[in-house]
Amino acid sequence: MTDFNDLTSEQMEKARACKSTDELVELAESEGIELTAEQLDAIAGGSWISCLNETW
């Protein structure tokens, strides 16, 4: 599991640039970031936008 607070500023910038959930999941995979089922549910449910603004 990845703690989003441990992401680099470059990784956070890339995540903020994602325009879809698919892009965000692809980015995580390409960066070697392991997402939990809960994190994937948040991404699929659209709450990843607030996660980016608050914790990423």
C-alpha atoms as a PDB file:
ATOM      1  CA  MET A   1       0.000   0.000   0.000  1.00  0.00           C
ATOM      2  CA  THR A   2       1.189   3.480  -0.822  1.00  0.00           C
ATOM      3  CA  ASP A   3       0.766   6.393   1.534  1.00  0.00           C
ATOM      4  CA  PHE A   4       0.022   9.287  -0.777  1.00  0.00           C
ATOM      5  CA  ASN A   5       1.924  11.612   1.557  1.00  0.00           C
ATOM      6  CA  ASP A   6       5.101   9.768   0.517  1.00  0.00           C
ATOM      7  CA  LEU A   7       4.773  10.685  -3.167  1.00  0.00           C
ATOM      8  CA  THR A   8       7.329  13.020  -4.666  1.00  0.00           C
ATOM      9  CA  SER A   9       6.289  16.462  -5.856  1.00  0.00           C
ATOM     10  CA  GLU A  10       6.841  15.244  -9.425  1.00  0.00           C
ATOM     11  CA  GLN A  11       4.503  12.290  -8.889  1.00  0.00           C
ATOM     12  CA  MET A  12       1.859  14.567  -7.365  1.00  0.00           C
ATOM     13  CA  GLU A  13       2.094  16.943 -10.319  1.00  0.00           C
ATOM     14  CA  LYS A  14       1.683  14.054 -12.756  1.00  0.00           C
ATOM     15  CA  ALA A  15      -1.341  12.791 -10.807  1.00  0.00           C
ATOM     16  CA  ARG A  16      -2.963  16.231 -10.842  1.00  0.00           C
ATOM     17  CA  ALA A  17      -2.504  16.347 -14.629  1.00  0.00           C
ATOM     18  CA  CYS A  18      -4.512  13.140 -15.142  1.00  0.00           C
ATOM     19  CA  LYS A  19      -7.802  13.823 -16.857  1.00  0.00           C
ATOM     20  CA  SER A  20      -9.428  10.469 -16.196  1.00  0.00           C
ATOM     21  CA  THR A  21      -9.420   7.634 -13.713  1.00  0.00           C
ATOM     22  CA  ASP A  22      -7.814   5.384 -16.310  1.00  0.00           C
ATOM     23  CA  GLU A  23      -4.919   7.826 -16.701  1.00  0.00           C
ATOM     24  CA  LEU A  24      -4.457   7.953 -12.943  1.00  0.00           C
ATOM     25  CA  VAL A  25      -4.388   4.160 -12.600  1.00  0.00           C
ATOM     26  CA  GLU A  26      -1.962   3.889 -15.533  1.00  0.00           C
ATOM     27  CA  LEU A  27       0.265   6.497 -13.916  1.00  0.00           C
ATOM     28  CA  ALA A  28       0.263   4.615 -10.629  1.00  0.00           C
ATOM     29  CA  GLU A  29       1.222   1.403 -12.397  1.00  0.00           C
ATOM     30  CA  SER A  30       3.999   3.085 -14.389  1.00  0.00           C
ATOM     31  CA  GLU A  31       5.403   4.677 -11.219  1.00  0.00           C
ATOM     32  CA  GLY A  32       5.334   1.362  -9.347  1.00  0.00           C
ATOM     33  CA  ILE A  33       2.700   2.640  -6.937  1.00  0.00           C
ATOM     34  CA  GLU A  34       0.681  -0.148  -5.365  1.00  0.00           C
ATOM     35  CA  LEU A  35      -2.937   0.876  -4.817  1.00  0.00           C
ATOM     36  CA  THR A  36      -5.205  -0.785  -2.277  1.00  0.00           C
ATOM     37  CA  ALA A  37      -8.743  -1.870  -3.079  1.00  0.00           C
ATOM     38  CA  GLU A  38      -9.969   1.125  -1.056  1.00  0.00           C
ATOM     39  CA  GLN A  39      -7.823   3.521  -3.068  1.00  0.00           C
ATOM     40  CA  LEU A  40      -9.014   1.980  -6.339  1.00  0.00           C
ATOM     41  CA  ASP A  41     -12.628   2.334  -5.168  1.00  0.00           C
ATOM     42  CA  ALA A  42     -12.003   6.015  -4.407  1.00  0.00           C
ATOM     43  CA  ILE A  43     -10.532   6.517  -7.862  1.00  0.00           C
ATOM     44  CA  ALA A  44     -13.411   4.687  -9.542  1.00  0.00           C
ATOM     45  CA  GLY A  45     -15.936   6.662  -7.509  1.00  0.00           C
ATOM     46  CA  GLY A  46     -14.431   9.978  -8.539  1.00  0.00           C
ATOM     47  CA  SER A  47     -13.252  11.029  -5.107  1.00  0.00           C
ATOM     48  CA  TRP A  48      -9.651  10.955  -6.341  1.00  0.00           C
ATOM     49  CA  ILE A  49     -10.032  14.607  -7.343  1.00  0.00           C
ATOM     50  CA  SER A  50     -10.470  15.680  -3.727  1.00  0.00           C
ATOM     51  CA  CYS A  51      -7.669  13.309  -2.699  1.00  0.00           C
ATOM     52  CA  LEU A  52      -5.330  15.075  -5.084  1.00  0.00           C
ATOM     53  CA  ASN A  53      -6.198  18.449  -3.669  1.00  0.00           C
ATOM     54  CA  GLU A  54      -6.079  17.416  -0.018  1.00  0.00           C
ATOM     55  CA  THR A  55      -3.496  14.665   0.432  1.00  0.00           C
ATOM     56  CA  TRP A  56      -1.435  14.475  -2.752  1.00  0.00           C
END
